[in-house]
Amino acid sequence: MYIYLGGGAVVSGGEIVGIFDADNCSAAKTTRAFLRERERRRELTAVADGQPRYFVVTASPRGERTYFTQSKPRRSY
């Protein structure tokens, strides 16, 4: 199964570590530190314009990646 993140980005469902609501999670200091570190490592990708509503954390043999998206990710077959 594949998950469509928006902006043409699709990831394998098996690579997803978590899908997080950016409004609820971004207030925590640990979450902000996590996202800053991802940005510093260039492992952060915005797949939609505007204010992100969700962030999706993925891990695969190719590496780890975090995506910002405006819409809730949905399944794609």
C-alpha atoms as a PDB file:
ATOM      1  CA  MET A   1       0.000   0.000   0.000  1.00  0.00           C
ATOM      2  CA  TYR A   2       1.158   3.526  -0.724  1.00  0.00           C
ATOM      3  CA  ILE A   3       0.252   6.749   1.044  1.00  0.00           C
ATOM      4  CA  TYR A   4      -0.317   9.978  -0.882  1.00  0.00           C
ATOM      5  CA  LEU A   5       1.054  12.941   1.083  1.00  0.00           C
ATOM      6  CA  GLY A   6       0.044  15.705  -1.324  1.00  0.00           C
ATOM      7  CA  GLY A   7       2.087  17.759  -3.742  1.00  0.00           C
ATOM      8  CA  GLY A   8       2.861  14.646  -5.775  1.00  0.00           C
ATOM      9  CA  ALA A   9       4.648  12.888  -2.889  1.00  0.00           C
ATOM     10  CA  VAL A  10       3.868   9.206  -2.327  1.00  0.00           C
ATOM     11  CA  VAL A  11       5.545   6.892   0.210  1.00  0.00           C
ATOM     12  CA  SER A  12       5.228   3.197   0.950  1.00  0.00           C
ATOM     13  CA  GLY A  13       2.941   2.522   3.905  1.00  0.00           C
ATOM     14  CA  GLY A  14       5.636   0.296   5.414  1.00  0.00           C
ATOM     15  CA  GLU A  15       8.029   3.258   5.652  1.00  0.00           C
ATOM     16  CA  ILE A  16       5.733   5.383   7.819  1.00  0.00           C
ATOM     17  CA  VAL A  17       6.808   5.675  11.443  1.00  0.00           C
ATOM     18  CA  GLY A  18       4.054   8.129  12.389  1.00  0.00           C
ATOM     19  CA  ILE A  19       1.602  10.778  11.243  1.00  0.00           C
ATOM     20  CA  PHE A  20       1.323  13.726  13.616  1.00  0.00           C
ATOM     21  CA  ASP A  21      -1.005  16.714  13.893  1.00  0.00           C
ATOM     22  CA  ALA A  22       1.349  19.707  13.664  1.00  0.00           C
ATOM     23  CA  ASP A  23      -0.888  21.981  15.751  1.00  0.00           C
ATOM     24  CA  ASN A  24      -1.056  19.600  18.701  1.00  0.00           C
ATOM     25  CA  CYS A  25       2.523  18.313  18.583  1.00  0.00           C
ATOM     26  CA  SER A  26       4.548  21.396  17.720  1.00  0.00           C
ATOM     27  CA  ALA A  27       4.049  22.972  21.143  1.00  0.00           C
ATOM     28  CA  ALA A  28       6.267  20.366  22.845  1.00  0.00           C
ATOM     29  CA  LYS A  29       9.936  21.304  23.172  1.00  0.00           C
ATOM     30  CA  THR A  30      11.064  17.809  22.166  1.00  0.00           C
ATOM     31  CA  THR A  31       9.005  17.956  18.966  1.00  0.00           C
ATOM     32  CA  ARG A  32      10.385  21.368  18.036  1.00  0.00           C
ATOM     33  CA  ALA A  33      13.925  20.089  18.689  1.00  0.00           C
ATOM     34  CA  PHE A  34      13.226  16.992  16.548  1.00  0.00           C
ATOM     35  CA  LEU A  35      11.969  19.118  13.636  1.00  0.00           C
ATOM     36  CA  ARG A  36      14.899  21.557  13.913  1.00  0.00           C
ATOM     37  CA  GLU A  37      17.333  18.620  13.775  1.00  0.00           C
ATOM     38  CA  ARG A  38      15.557  17.174  10.731  1.00  0.00           C
ATOM     39  CA  GLU A  39      15.807  20.554   9.033  1.00  0.00           C
ATOM     40  CA  ARG A  40      19.497  20.860   9.927  1.00  0.00           C
ATOM     41  CA  ARG A  41      20.166  17.417   8.408  1.00  0.00           C
ATOM     42  CA  ARG A  42      18.130  18.344   5.312  1.00  0.00           C
ATOM     43  CA  GLU A  43      15.689  15.508   6.035  1.00  0.00           C
ATOM     44  CA  LEU A  44      12.618  17.762   6.057  1.00  0.00           C
ATOM     45  CA  THR A  45      10.438  18.247   2.979  1.00  0.00           C
ATOM     46  CA  ALA A  46       7.367  20.453   2.543  1.00  0.00           C
ATOM     47  CA  VAL A  47       5.009  18.822   0.049  1.00  0.00           C
ATOM     48  CA  ALA A  48       2.335  21.521   0.120  1.00  0.00           C
ATOM     49  CA  ASP A  49       2.232  25.299   0.143  1.00  0.00           C
ATOM     50  CA  GLY A  50       1.070  27.237   3.164  1.00  0.00           C
ATOM     51  CA  GLN A  51       0.849  26.366   6.837  1.00  0.00           C
ATOM     52  CA  PRO A  52       1.446  22.623   7.454  1.00  0.00           C
ATOM     53  CA  ARG A  53      -1.285  20.716   9.301  1.00  0.00           C
ATOM     54  CA  TYR A  54       0.507  17.359   9.593  1.00  0.00           C
ATOM     55  CA  PHE A  55       3.995  15.971   9.560  1.00  0.00           C
ATOM     56  CA  VAL A  56       4.810  12.435   8.504  1.00  0.00           C
ATOM     57  CA  VAL A  57       7.951  10.670   9.722  1.00  0.00           C
ATOM     58  CA  THR A  58       9.336   7.888   7.514  1.00  0.00           C
ATOM     59  CA  ALA A  59      12.260   5.480   7.710  1.00  0.00           C
ATOM     60  CA  SER A  60      13.600   3.177   5.017  1.00  0.00           C
ATOM     61  CA  PRO A  61      16.918   1.624   4.004  1.00  0.00           C
ATOM     62  CA  ARG A  62      17.534   4.840   2.030  1.00  0.00           C
ATOM     63  CA  GLY A  63      17.299   6.924   5.215  1.00  0.00           C
ATOM     64  CA  GLU A  64      14.886   8.868   7.354  1.00  0.00           C
ATOM     65  CA  ARG A  65      12.659  11.670   6.099  1.00  0.00           C
ATOM     66  CA  THR A  66       9.997  13.987   7.527  1.00  0.00           C
ATOM     67  CA  TYR A  67       7.313  15.547   5.340  1.00  0.00           C
ATOM     68  CA  PHE A  68       5.110  18.574   6.081  1.00  0.00           C
ATOM     69  CA  THR A  69       1.689  18.405   4.447  1.00  0.00           C
ATOM     70  CA  GLN A  70      -1.550  20.393   4.570  1.00  0.00           C
ATOM     71  CA  SER A  71      -3.967  17.521   4.083  1.00  0.00           C
ATOM     72  CA  LYS A  72      -4.324  14.316   6.015  1.00  0.00           C
ATOM     73  CA  PRO A  73      -2.395  11.575   4.164  1.00  0.00           C
ATOM     74  CA  ARG A  74      -4.587   9.001   2.430  1.00  0.00           C
ATOM     75  CA  ARG A  75      -4.141   5.539   0.990  1.00  0.00           C
ATOM     76  CA  SER A  76      -3.416   5.078  -2.673  1.00  0.00           C
ATOM     77  CA  TYR A  77      -3.357   1.721  -4.468  1.00  0.00           C
END
